[in-house]
N, C-alpha and C. Protein backbone atom coordinates (compact mmCIF):
# COMPACT_ATOMS: atom_id res chain seq x y z
N MET A 1 -19.20 -4.78 -14.04
CA MET A 1 -18.48 -5.71 -13.37
C MET A 1 -17.97 -4.68 -11.93
N THR A 2 -17.57 -5.49 -11.07
CA THR A 2 -17.50 -4.71 -9.72
C THR A 2 -16.00 -4.51 -9.50
N TYR A 3 -15.50 -3.38 -9.10
CA TYR A 3 -14.05 -2.97 -8.72
C TYR A 3 -14.08 -2.37 -7.33
N VAL A 4 -12.86 -1.93 -6.69
CA VAL A 4 -12.92 -1.16 -5.69
C VAL A 4 -12.04 -0.10 -5.92
N SER A 5 -12.45 1.12 -5.56
CA SER A 5 -11.83 2.46 -5.95
C SER A 5 -10.78 2.78 -4.93
N ASP A 6 -10.02 3.86 -5.34
CA ASP A 6 -8.60 3.78 -4.31
C ASP A 6 -9.10 4.07 -2.81
N ASN A 7 -10.38 4.91 -2.52
CA ASN A 7 -10.95 5.04 -1.27
C ASN A 7 -11.67 4.04 -0.64
N GLY A 8 -11.50 2.91 -1.33
CA GLY A 8 -12.25 1.79 -0.78
C GLY A 8 -13.83 1.29 -1.16
N ASP A 9 -14.33 2.40 -1.92
CA ASP A 9 -15.74 2.39 -2.28
C ASP A 9 -15.86 1.22 -3.21
N VAL A 10 -16.78 0.11 -3.09
CA VAL A 10 -17.28 -0.75 -3.98
C VAL A 10 -17.98 -0.31 -5.27
N LYS A 11 -17.50 -0.36 -6.40
CA LYS A 11 -18.20 0.38 -7.47
C LYS A 11 -18.64 -0.91 -8.55
N VAL A 12 -19.61 -0.49 -9.51
CA VAL A 12 -19.92 -1.51 -10.51
C VAL A 12 -20.05 -0.99 -11.83
N VAL A 13 -19.14 -1.40 -12.50
CA VAL A 13 -18.73 -0.43 -13.90
C VAL A 13 -18.70 -1.66 -15.06
N PRO A 14 -19.50 -1.46 -16.28
CA PRO A 14 -19.44 -2.40 -17.14
C PRO A 14 -17.79 -2.62 -17.48
N ILE A 15 -17.50 -3.82 -17.82
CA ILE A 15 -15.99 -4.20 -17.90
C ILE A 15 -15.43 -3.44 -18.98
N ASP A 16 -16.05 -2.92 -20.22
CA ASP A 16 -15.29 -2.32 -21.18
C ASP A 16 -15.15 -0.76 -20.87
N MET A 17 -16.01 -0.65 -19.86
CA MET A 17 -15.82 0.86 -19.42
C MET A 17 -15.01 1.26 -18.14
N LEU A 18 -14.41 -0.13 -17.72
CA LEU A 18 -13.27 0.07 -16.50
C LEU A 18 -12.46 1.01 -16.76
N THR A 19 -11.33 0.82 -17.60
CA THR A 19 -10.46 1.61 -18.41
C THR A 19 -10.74 3.02 -18.15
N GLU A 20 -11.82 3.57 -18.84
CA GLU A 20 -12.07 4.92 -18.99
C GLU A 20 -12.70 5.30 -17.58
N HIS A 21 -13.24 4.52 -16.91
CA HIS A 21 -13.85 4.91 -15.60
C HIS A 21 -12.72 5.39 -14.60
N VAL A 22 -11.56 4.47 -14.71
CA VAL A 22 -10.44 4.74 -13.75
C VAL A 22 -9.93 6.04 -14.18
N LYS A 23 -9.73 6.32 -15.30
CA LYS A 23 -9.03 7.54 -16.18
C LYS A 23 -10.08 8.88 -15.90
N GLU A 24 -11.36 8.59 -15.93
CA GLU A 24 -12.21 9.74 -15.74
C GLU A 24 -13.19 9.76 -14.64
N GLU A 25 -13.48 10.91 -14.15
CA GLU A 25 -14.65 11.12 -13.20
C GLU A 25 -15.86 11.55 -13.79
N PRO A 26 -16.92 10.98 -13.03
CA PRO A 26 -18.28 11.52 -13.54
C PRO A 26 -18.26 12.73 -13.75
N GLU A 27 -18.97 13.50 -14.99
CA GLU A 27 -19.05 14.90 -15.17
C GLU A 27 -19.33 15.82 -14.12
N ASP A 28 -20.57 15.28 -13.50
CA ASP A 28 -21.35 15.92 -12.15
C ASP A 28 -20.26 16.08 -11.06
N GLN A 29 -19.34 15.21 -10.93
CA GLN A 29 -18.30 15.64 -9.69
C GLN A 29 -17.02 16.13 -10.20
N GLU A 30 -16.62 16.54 -11.50
CA GLU A 30 -15.41 16.76 -11.71
C GLU A 30 -14.94 18.38 -11.26
N GLU A 31 -15.78 19.02 -11.40
CA GLU A 31 -15.41 20.43 -11.03
C GLU A 31 -15.21 20.57 -9.21
N GLU A 32 -16.17 19.90 -8.50
CA GLU A 32 -16.00 19.57 -7.15
C GLU A 32 -14.82 19.08 -6.73
N SER A 33 -14.51 17.91 -7.54
CA SER A 33 -13.48 17.08 -6.95
C SER A 33 -12.26 17.79 -7.34
N LYS A 34 -12.25 18.69 -8.71
CA LYS A 34 -10.86 19.16 -8.75
C LYS A 34 -10.39 20.20 -7.66
N SER A 35 -11.66 20.82 -7.32
CA SER A 35 -11.21 21.85 -6.29
C SER A 35 -10.58 21.29 -4.74
N SER A 36 -11.44 20.13 -4.61
CA SER A 36 -10.88 19.43 -3.05
C SER A 36 -9.45 18.80 -3.83
N LYS A 37 -9.50 18.29 -4.54
CA LYS A 37 -7.93 17.82 -4.96
C LYS A 37 -6.83 18.76 -4.71
N LYS A 38 -6.98 19.87 -5.33
CA LYS A 38 -6.00 21.21 -5.22
C LYS A 38 -5.76 20.99 -4.00
N GLN A 39 -6.85 21.39 -3.13
CA GLN A 39 -6.63 21.53 -1.53
C GLN A 39 -5.92 20.45 -1.00
N ASN A 40 -6.03 19.33 -1.28
CA ASN A 40 -5.15 17.91 -0.46
C ASN A 40 -4.20 17.26 -1.28
N GLN A 41 -3.70 18.08 -2.34
CA GLN A 41 -2.69 17.56 -3.25
C GLN A 41 -1.19 18.17 -2.49
N CYS A 42 -0.42 17.18 -2.35
CA CYS A 42 1.04 17.62 -2.01
C CYS A 42 1.66 18.19 -3.12
N HIS A 43 2.11 19.40 -3.16
CA HIS A 43 2.77 20.14 -3.70
C HIS A 43 4.30 19.55 -4.20
N LEU A 44 4.76 18.56 -3.35
CA LEU A 44 6.21 17.94 -3.86
C LEU A 44 5.92 16.61 -4.66
N CYS A 45 5.00 15.93 -4.42
CA CYS A 45 4.84 14.90 -5.33
C CYS A 45 3.38 14.68 -6.13
N GLN A 46 2.81 15.62 -5.62
CA GLN A 46 1.21 15.66 -6.75
C GLN A 46 0.36 14.58 -6.13
N LYS A 47 0.75 13.77 -5.01
CA LYS A 47 -0.33 12.84 -4.70
C LYS A 47 -1.58 13.43 -3.95
N VAL A 48 -2.62 13.28 -4.11
CA VAL A 48 -4.07 13.72 -3.82
C VAL A 48 -4.40 12.70 -2.44
N LEU A 49 -4.52 13.47 -1.28
CA LEU A 49 -4.60 12.67 -0.03
C LEU A 49 -6.31 13.13 0.45
N LYS A 50 -6.62 12.41 1.33
CA LYS A 50 -7.90 12.51 1.53
C LYS A 50 -8.58 13.62 2.53
N ASN A 51 -7.56 14.28 3.25
CA ASN A 51 -7.97 15.74 3.72
C ASN A 51 -6.90 16.41 4.13
N LYS A 52 -7.02 17.86 4.71
CA LYS A 52 -5.66 18.31 4.95
C LYS A 52 -4.94 17.85 6.22
N HIS A 53 -5.41 16.99 7.16
CA HIS A 53 -4.71 16.45 8.03
C HIS A 53 -3.77 15.42 7.59
N VAL A 54 -4.46 14.56 6.49
CA VAL A 54 -3.66 13.39 6.22
C VAL A 54 -2.19 14.14 5.25
N LEU A 55 -2.59 14.98 4.56
CA LEU A 55 -1.57 15.81 3.86
C LEU A 55 -0.59 16.43 4.71
N LYS A 56 -0.79 16.97 5.78
CA LYS A 56 0.35 17.38 6.41
C LYS A 56 1.13 16.23 7.24
N ALA A 57 0.19 15.36 7.62
CA ALA A 57 1.37 13.76 7.82
C ALA A 57 2.12 13.23 6.84
N HIS A 58 1.55 13.26 5.55
CA HIS A 58 2.38 12.93 4.38
C HIS A 58 3.50 13.45 4.15
N ILE A 59 3.24 14.90 4.20
CA ILE A 59 4.53 15.85 3.97
C ILE A 59 5.47 15.64 4.89
N THR A 60 5.16 15.44 6.35
CA THR A 60 6.26 15.19 7.26
C THR A 60 7.02 13.77 6.96
N THR A 61 5.94 12.85 6.99
CA THR A 61 6.62 11.50 7.16
C THR A 61 7.29 11.17 5.80
N VAL A 62 6.97 11.80 4.69
CA VAL A 62 7.48 11.38 3.50
C VAL A 62 8.52 12.10 2.80
N HIS A 63 8.22 13.50 2.88
CA HIS A 63 9.03 14.61 2.30
C HIS A 63 10.09 15.28 3.60
N GLY A 64 9.52 14.90 4.76
CA GLY A 64 10.13 15.94 5.89
C GLY A 64 11.63 15.34 6.41
N ASP A 65 12.18 15.71 7.31
CA ASP A 65 13.38 15.31 7.86
C ASP A 65 13.46 14.29 8.61
N LYS A 66 13.93 13.37 8.19
CA LYS A 66 13.88 12.22 8.78
C LYS A 66 14.75 11.97 9.83
N SER A 67 15.05 12.79 11.04
CA SER A 67 15.65 12.83 11.99
C SER A 67 15.39 11.90 13.18
N PHE A 68 14.46 11.30 12.97
CA PHE A 68 14.15 9.85 14.04
C PHE A 68 14.71 8.57 13.69
N GLN A 69 15.92 8.31 14.10
CA GLN A 69 17.03 7.08 13.74
C GLN A 69 16.46 6.05 14.68
N CYS A 70 16.14 4.89 13.95
CA CYS A 70 16.04 3.73 14.69
C CYS A 70 17.28 3.27 15.42
N ASP A 71 17.35 2.75 16.85
CA ASP A 71 18.60 2.54 17.18
C ASP A 71 18.77 0.87 17.21
N GLU A 72 18.17 0.19 16.33
CA GLU A 72 18.37 -1.27 16.15
C GLU A 72 18.48 -1.43 14.52
N CYS A 73 18.43 -0.41 13.55
CA CYS A 73 18.57 -0.73 12.34
C CYS A 73 19.10 0.55 11.78
N ASP A 74 18.91 0.83 10.12
CA ASP A 74 19.57 1.77 9.92
C ASP A 74 18.30 2.72 9.25
N MET A 75 16.97 2.31 9.70
CA MET A 75 15.79 3.16 9.23
C MET A 75 15.51 4.42 9.91
N SER A 76 15.22 5.57 9.14
CA SER A 76 15.05 6.81 9.94
C SER A 76 13.71 7.55 9.66
N PHE A 77 12.97 8.11 10.58
CA PHE A 77 11.36 8.49 10.16
C PHE A 77 11.39 9.74 10.52
N GLY A 78 10.44 10.47 9.72
CA GLY A 78 9.95 11.81 9.91
C GLY A 78 9.34 12.20 11.19
N THR A 79 8.87 11.53 12.05
CA THR A 79 7.80 11.63 13.20
C THR A 79 8.42 10.71 14.47
N HIS A 80 8.44 11.18 15.94
CA HIS A 80 8.40 10.32 16.76
C HIS A 80 7.51 8.94 16.78
N GLN A 81 6.34 9.09 16.24
CA GLN A 81 5.46 8.25 16.42
C GLN A 81 5.66 7.06 15.25
N ALA A 82 6.15 7.50 14.08
CA ALA A 82 6.36 6.68 13.00
C ALA A 82 7.39 5.58 13.48
N LEU A 83 8.55 6.32 14.11
CA LEU A 83 9.72 5.33 14.66
C LEU A 83 8.97 4.40 15.45
N GLY A 84 7.81 4.85 16.54
CA GLY A 84 7.52 3.67 17.34
C GLY A 84 6.83 2.83 16.71
N ARG A 85 6.16 3.19 15.82
CA ARG A 85 5.21 2.12 14.85
C ARG A 85 6.32 1.25 14.59
N HIS A 86 7.20 1.65 13.81
CA HIS A 86 8.52 0.80 13.17
C HIS A 86 9.03 -0.02 14.31
N LYS A 87 9.53 0.24 15.45
CA LYS A 87 9.73 -0.53 16.29
C LYS A 87 9.06 -1.77 17.09
N GLN A 88 7.47 -1.35 17.08
CA GLN A 88 6.76 -2.25 17.68
C GLN A 88 6.58 -3.28 16.37
N CYS A 89 6.47 -2.85 15.27
CA CYS A 89 6.35 -4.14 14.23
C CYS A 89 7.38 -4.73 13.90
N LYS A 90 8.71 -4.19 13.67
CA LYS A 90 9.97 -4.78 13.45
C LYS A 90 11.15 -5.47 14.28
N HIS A 91 10.94 -4.54 15.50
CA HIS A 91 11.96 -4.92 16.44
C HIS A 91 11.16 -5.59 18.09
N MET A 92 9.93 -5.54 18.15
CA MET A 92 9.34 -5.58 19.38
C MET A 92 9.40 -7.44 19.37
N ASP A 93 9.64 -7.85 20.62
CA ASP A 93 9.60 -9.03 21.20
C ASP A 93 8.26 -10.01 20.91
N ILE A 94 8.08 -10.63 19.80
CA ILE A 94 6.87 -11.50 19.51
C ILE A 94 6.18 -11.91 20.60
N SER A 95 6.71 -12.55 21.64
CA SER A 95 6.07 -12.88 22.97
C SER A 95 5.28 -11.77 23.72
N LEU A 96 5.87 -10.52 23.42
CA LEU A 96 5.00 -9.52 24.02
C LEU A 96 3.81 -8.91 23.36
N ARG A 97 3.57 -9.22 21.85
CA ARG A 97 2.45 -8.96 21.35
C ARG A 97 1.17 -9.32 22.25
N PRO A 98 0.00 -8.59 22.41
CA PRO A 98 -1.17 -8.72 22.96
C PRO A 98 -2.36 -9.96 22.39
N PHE A 99 -2.06 -9.89 21.52
CA PHE A 99 -3.13 -10.96 20.78
C PHE A 99 -2.74 -12.09 20.31
N PRO A 100 -2.87 -13.08 20.85
CA PRO A 100 -2.22 -14.48 20.22
C PRO A 100 -3.41 -15.10 19.43
N CYS A 101 -2.75 -16.26 18.31
CA CYS A 101 -3.63 -16.62 17.71
C CYS A 101 -3.80 -18.19 18.33
N ASP A 102 -5.09 -18.58 18.49
CA ASP A 102 -5.42 -19.88 19.11
C ASP A 102 -4.90 -21.05 18.45
N LEU A 103 -4.64 -20.92 17.08
CA LEU A 103 -4.67 -21.87 16.20
C LEU A 103 -3.16 -22.20 15.92
N CYS A 104 -2.24 -21.23 16.19
CA CYS A 104 -0.71 -21.67 16.17
C CYS A 104 -0.20 -20.61 16.86
N GLU A 105 1.38 -20.42 16.80
CA GLU A 105 2.02 -19.90 17.90
C GLU A 105 2.06 -18.10 17.76
N GLN A 106 1.60 -17.80 16.56
CA GLN A 106 1.88 -16.45 16.29
C GLN A 106 1.08 -15.46 17.29
N ARG A 107 1.51 -14.10 17.33
CA ARG A 107 0.94 -13.22 18.06
C ARG A 107 0.84 -11.93 17.37
N PHE A 108 0.12 -11.10 17.44
CA PHE A 108 -0.28 -9.89 16.98
C PHE A 108 -0.34 -8.45 17.69
N LEU A 109 -0.05 -7.64 17.01
CA LEU A 109 0.03 -5.97 17.65
C LEU A 109 -1.65 -5.61 18.01
N ASN A 110 -2.48 -6.00 16.85
CA ASN A 110 -3.72 -5.69 17.04
C ASN A 110 -4.75 -6.59 16.70
N LYS A 111 -6.20 -6.35 16.80
CA LYS A 111 -6.85 -7.26 16.62
C LYS A 111 -7.31 -7.58 15.21
N SER A 112 -7.31 -6.45 14.52
CA SER A 112 -7.56 -6.45 12.91
C SER A 112 -6.54 -7.54 12.34
N HIS A 113 -5.21 -7.38 12.71
CA HIS A 113 -3.96 -8.28 12.01
C HIS A 113 -4.19 -9.72 12.43
N LEU A 114 -4.56 -9.76 13.57
CA LEU A 114 -5.20 -11.43 14.12
C LEU A 114 -6.16 -11.85 13.13
N ALA A 115 -7.37 -11.15 13.19
CA ALA A 115 -8.56 -11.47 12.40
C ALA A 115 -7.91 -11.87 11.04
N TYR A 116 -7.19 -11.20 10.55
CA TYR A 116 -6.69 -11.34 8.92
C TYR A 116 -5.84 -12.75 8.74
N HIS A 117 -4.97 -12.95 9.83
CA HIS A 117 -4.39 -14.15 10.17
C HIS A 117 -5.18 -15.33 10.22
N VAL A 118 -6.39 -15.26 11.09
CA VAL A 118 -7.41 -16.53 11.37
C VAL A 118 -7.69 -17.04 10.29
N LYS A 119 -8.32 -15.66 9.31
CA LYS A 119 -8.62 -16.27 7.69
C LYS A 119 -7.44 -17.38 7.04
N THR A 120 -6.34 -17.12 7.35
CA THR A 120 -5.52 -17.68 6.82
C THR A 120 -5.54 -19.42 6.96
N HIS A 121 -6.34 -19.64 8.36
CA HIS A 121 -6.10 -20.98 8.99
C HIS A 121 -7.60 -21.36 8.50
N THR A 122 -8.41 -21.02 8.55
CA THR A 122 -9.70 -21.00 8.19
C THR A 122 -9.90 -21.39 6.36
N GLY A 123 -9.21 -20.51 5.68
CA GLY A 123 -9.52 -20.48 4.28
C GLY A 123 -10.54 -19.38 3.97
N GLU A 124 -11.13 -18.78 4.92
CA GLU A 124 -12.26 -18.01 4.39
C GLU A 124 -11.67 -16.77 3.66
N ARG A 125 -12.32 -16.69 2.30
CA ARG A 125 -12.09 -15.57 1.67
C ARG A 125 -13.38 -14.94 1.05
N ASP A 126 -13.61 -14.07 2.23
CA ASP A 126 -14.80 -13.25 1.87
C ASP A 126 -15.16 -12.15 0.82
N VAL A 127 -14.10 -12.03 0.29
CA VAL A 127 -13.78 -10.79 -0.65
C VAL A 127 -13.59 -11.12 -2.22
N THR A 128 -14.42 -10.75 -3.04
CA THR A 128 -14.14 -11.55 -4.54
C THR A 128 -14.26 -10.40 -5.32
N CYS A 129 -13.25 -10.79 -6.52
CA CYS A 129 -13.23 -9.86 -7.53
C CYS A 129 -14.31 -9.83 -8.47
N GLY A 130 -14.78 -8.70 -8.85
CA GLY A 130 -15.98 -8.90 -9.75
C GLY A 130 -15.77 -9.17 -11.39
N LEU A 131 -14.56 -9.02 -11.69
CA LEU A 131 -14.22 -9.31 -13.13
C LEU A 131 -13.56 -10.79 -13.36
N CYS A 132 -12.63 -11.21 -12.33
CA CYS A 132 -12.22 -12.88 -12.81
C CYS A 132 -12.69 -13.64 -11.34
N PHE A 133 -13.40 -13.07 -10.62
CA PHE A 133 -14.09 -14.03 -9.47
C PHE A 133 -13.31 -14.74 -8.53
N GLN A 134 -11.65 -14.29 -8.60
CA GLN A 134 -10.92 -14.77 -7.62
C GLN A 134 -10.96 -14.45 -6.17
N SER A 135 -11.29 -14.94 -5.21
CA SER A 135 -11.45 -14.51 -3.87
C SER A 135 -10.35 -14.08 -2.95
N PHE A 136 -10.50 -13.20 -2.15
CA PHE A 136 -9.30 -12.67 -1.07
C PHE A 136 -9.68 -12.82 0.25
N TYR A 137 -8.65 -12.45 1.29
CA TYR A 137 -8.97 -12.25 2.60
C TYR A 137 -9.44 -11.05 2.95
N SER A 138 -9.20 -10.04 2.42
CA SER A 138 -9.31 -8.79 2.45
C SER A 138 -9.48 -8.00 1.43
N LYS A 139 -10.27 -6.58 1.53
CA LYS A 139 -10.60 -5.53 0.82
C LYS A 139 -9.21 -5.13 0.30
N ALA A 140 -8.22 -5.16 1.06
CA ALA A 140 -6.70 -4.75 0.62
C ALA A 140 -6.36 -5.55 0.13
N ASP A 141 -6.43 -6.65 0.01
CA ASP A 141 -5.81 -7.69 -1.13
C ASP A 141 -6.70 -7.66 -2.44
N LEU A 142 -7.62 -7.42 -2.27
CA LEU A 142 -8.47 -6.96 -3.73
C LEU A 142 -8.05 -5.93 -4.29
N VAL A 143 -8.09 -4.66 -3.38
CA VAL A 143 -7.54 -3.18 -4.11
C VAL A 143 -6.04 -3.82 -4.60
N ARG A 144 -5.39 -4.49 -4.29
CA ARG A 144 -4.01 -4.74 -4.48
C ARG A 144 -3.92 -5.72 -5.76
N HIS A 145 -4.77 -6.66 -5.88
CA HIS A 145 -5.14 -7.53 -7.12
C HIS A 145 -5.68 -6.73 -8.05
N MET A 146 -6.57 -5.73 -8.07
CA MET A 146 -7.30 -4.96 -9.29
C MET A 146 -6.08 -3.88 -9.79
N LYS A 147 -5.43 -3.40 -8.75
CA LYS A 147 -4.39 -2.48 -9.44
C LYS A 147 -3.14 -3.15 -10.50
N GLY A 148 -2.88 -4.63 -9.70
CA GLY A 148 -1.64 -5.17 -10.82
C GLY A 148 -2.33 -5.90 -11.64
N ARG A 149 -3.40 -6.80 -11.40
CA ARG A 149 -3.91 -7.64 -12.33
C ARG A 149 -4.72 -7.05 -13.64
N HIS A 150 -5.55 -6.16 -13.38
CA HIS A 150 -6.68 -5.56 -14.11
C HIS A 150 -6.27 -4.34 -14.76
N LEU A 151 -5.84 -3.46 -13.76
CA LEU A 151 -5.47 -1.90 -14.16
C LEU A 151 -4.02 -1.96 -14.46
N ASN A 152 -3.37 -2.97 -14.39
CA ASN A 152 -1.77 -3.16 -14.83
C ASN A 152 -1.10 -1.76 -14.32
N ILE A 153 -1.28 -1.13 -13.15
CA ILE A 153 -0.79 -0.39 -12.23
C ILE A 153 0.61 -0.93 -11.54
N ARG A 154 1.78 -0.23 -11.94
CA ARG A 154 3.07 -0.49 -11.39
C ARG A 154 3.37 0.27 -10.24
N SER A 155 3.32 0.16 -9.32
CA SER A 155 3.80 1.14 -8.06
C SER A 155 5.20 1.20 -8.02
N PHE A 156 5.97 0.07 -8.24
CA PHE A 156 7.57 -0.10 -7.80
C PHE A 156 8.31 -0.07 -9.22
N THR A 157 9.12 1.08 -9.25
CA THR A 157 10.04 0.97 -10.36
C THR A 157 11.54 0.64 -10.33
N CYS A 158 12.10 -0.06 -11.14
CA CYS A 158 13.54 -0.53 -10.81
C CYS A 158 14.35 1.11 -11.16
N HIS A 159 15.08 1.57 -10.31
CA HIS A 159 15.84 2.46 -10.47
C HIS A 159 16.83 2.28 -11.57
N LEU A 160 17.07 1.37 -12.07
CA LEU A 160 18.46 0.95 -13.09
C LEU A 160 17.91 0.68 -14.72
N CYS A 161 16.59 0.42 -14.65
CA CYS A 161 16.07 -0.15 -16.09
C CYS A 161 14.72 0.36 -16.12
N ASN A 162 14.10 1.09 -15.00
CA ASN A 162 12.71 1.74 -15.18
C ASN A 162 11.47 0.67 -15.23
N LYS A 163 11.69 -0.55 -15.30
CA LYS A 163 10.81 -1.71 -15.27
C LYS A 163 9.89 -1.63 -14.00
N GLY A 164 8.53 -1.80 -14.11
CA GLY A 164 7.68 -1.69 -13.05
C GLY A 164 7.17 -2.87 -12.67
N PHE A 165 6.63 -2.80 -11.24
CA PHE A 165 6.06 -4.00 -10.64
C PHE A 165 5.22 -4.00 -9.77
N PHE A 166 4.08 -4.57 -9.53
CA PHE A 166 2.98 -4.24 -8.72
C PHE A 166 3.50 -4.60 -7.32
N ARG A 167 4.45 -5.46 -7.00
CA ARG A 167 4.81 -5.80 -5.85
C ARG A 167 6.09 -5.43 -5.42
N LYS A 168 6.30 -4.85 -4.30
CA LYS A 168 7.57 -4.56 -3.70
C LYS A 168 8.44 -5.75 -3.96
N SER A 169 8.11 -6.62 -3.53
CA SER A 169 8.80 -8.12 -3.44
C SER A 169 9.64 -8.82 -4.67
N TYR A 170 8.63 -8.34 -5.87
CA TYR A 170 8.71 -8.65 -7.12
C TYR A 170 9.80 -7.92 -7.75
N LEU A 171 10.19 -6.46 -7.42
CA LEU A 171 10.96 -5.60 -7.36
C LEU A 171 12.14 -5.63 -6.96
N LYS A 172 12.23 -6.60 -5.57
CA LYS A 172 13.48 -6.88 -4.95
C LYS A 172 13.86 -8.11 -5.72
N VAL A 173 13.24 -9.30 -5.97
CA VAL A 173 13.67 -10.39 -6.52
C VAL A 173 14.46 -9.70 -8.19
N HIS A 174 13.73 -8.82 -8.51
CA HIS A 174 14.60 -8.66 -9.81
C HIS A 174 15.70 -7.76 -9.83
N LEU A 175 15.85 -6.80 -9.00
CA LEU A 175 17.20 -6.16 -8.39
C LEU A 175 18.17 -7.26 -7.78
N LEU A 176 17.61 -8.32 -7.25
CA LEU A 176 18.74 -9.23 -6.96
C LEU A 176 19.30 -10.46 -7.98
N THR A 177 18.37 -10.65 -8.93
CA THR A 177 18.52 -11.37 -10.15
C THR A 177 18.90 -11.10 -11.50
N ILE A 178 18.33 -10.16 -11.57
CA ILE A 178 18.62 -9.34 -12.85
C ILE A 178 19.92 -8.38 -13.10
N HIS A 179 19.76 -7.40 -11.72
CA HIS A 179 21.02 -6.56 -11.90
C HIS A 179 21.91 -7.26 -10.90
N MET A 180 21.82 -7.89 -10.46
CA MET A 180 22.88 -8.82 -9.27
C MET A 180 23.03 -8.15 -7.87
N GLN A 181 22.24 -7.12 -7.64
CA GLN A 181 22.60 -6.18 -6.66
C GLN A 181 22.76 -6.96 -5.28
N PRO A 182 23.69 -6.76 -4.45
CA PRO A 182 23.63 -7.02 -3.18
C PRO A 182 22.26 -6.97 -2.23
N ALA A 183 21.88 -7.88 -1.42
CA ALA A 183 20.51 -7.73 -0.76
C ALA A 183 20.22 -6.41 -0.16
N ASP A 184 21.16 -5.79 0.66
CA ASP A 184 21.01 -4.72 1.23
C ASP A 184 21.00 -3.37 0.31
N GLU A 185 21.56 -3.48 -0.86
CA GLU A 185 21.63 -2.52 -1.75
C GLU A 185 20.20 -2.70 -2.67
N ALA A 186 19.70 -3.54 -2.72
CA ALA A 186 18.36 -3.96 -3.46
C ALA A 186 17.27 -3.41 -2.35
N GLN A 187 17.45 -3.69 -1.17
CA GLN A 187 16.35 -3.38 -0.24
C GLN A 187 16.28 -1.72 -0.12
N ASN A 188 17.59 -1.02 -0.20
CA ASN A 188 17.45 0.22 -0.27
C ASN A 188 17.24 1.01 -1.40
N ALA A 189 16.98 0.42 -2.54
CA ALA A 189 16.77 0.99 -3.91
C ALA A 189 15.51 0.97 -4.40
N ILE A 190 14.80 0.39 -3.24
CA ILE A 190 13.37 0.18 -3.66
C ILE A 190 12.24 1.17 -3.59
N HIS A 191 12.05 2.01 -4.50
CA HIS A 191 11.22 2.90 -4.50
C HIS A 191 9.80 2.88 -5.13
N ARG A 192 8.53 3.86 -4.22
CA ARG A 192 7.32 3.45 -4.66
C ARG A 192 7.11 4.65 -5.31
N CYS A 193 6.23 4.37 -6.75
CA CYS A 193 5.66 5.72 -7.20
C CYS A 193 4.92 6.18 -6.51
N TYR A 194 4.91 7.81 -6.25
CA TYR A 194 4.17 8.45 -5.63
C TYR A 194 2.73 8.65 -6.33
N ALA A 195 2.74 8.53 -7.58
CA ALA A 195 1.34 8.92 -8.20
C ALA A 195 0.33 7.38 -8.14
N CYS A 196 1.09 6.40 -7.90
CA CYS A 196 0.45 5.23 -7.57
C CYS A 196 -0.06 4.61 -6.46
N ARG A 197 0.06 5.16 -5.17
CA ARG A 197 0.41 4.64 -3.87
C ARG A 197 -1.17 4.49 -3.55
């Protein structure tokens, strides 16, 4: 069966071996992988990152001093660049976004987001799960599906009861309905598991 690994590679594995494959690496790659993992592993949360540059950015943005405060909301960031991306995505006037959709009124910051959006109009789902044959708009959607449906990975955990969810929106609904938290408290309480990112 087909699945998508964390780094985006598509692999073929027998369905009964899928769980074992996720837990273990091939023996011939194990030693090499262990040494590179230690070099690129965050000492604060044990997350393994692609290379030392991504590791440095991770430590700065996730664990660093979040001294860059957004002047339009209560969010703060570890770098000026992260704050800039946030402002573009969340606070920029939509009419100023450079990539308009020809089929509706929406506009986007980059071509890839526009291309993804256009697929929602055309219905083109060109990425398929090899286990259940459900189709998706993008590889990222397939990865999210594999983690949540077939591998049972729950990346978002309720801080009150430790119940896990594979989507942030499901955790938010849980906090609002089960624990009756006000919307702003529920939003601030959403944490993502470092091991499952």
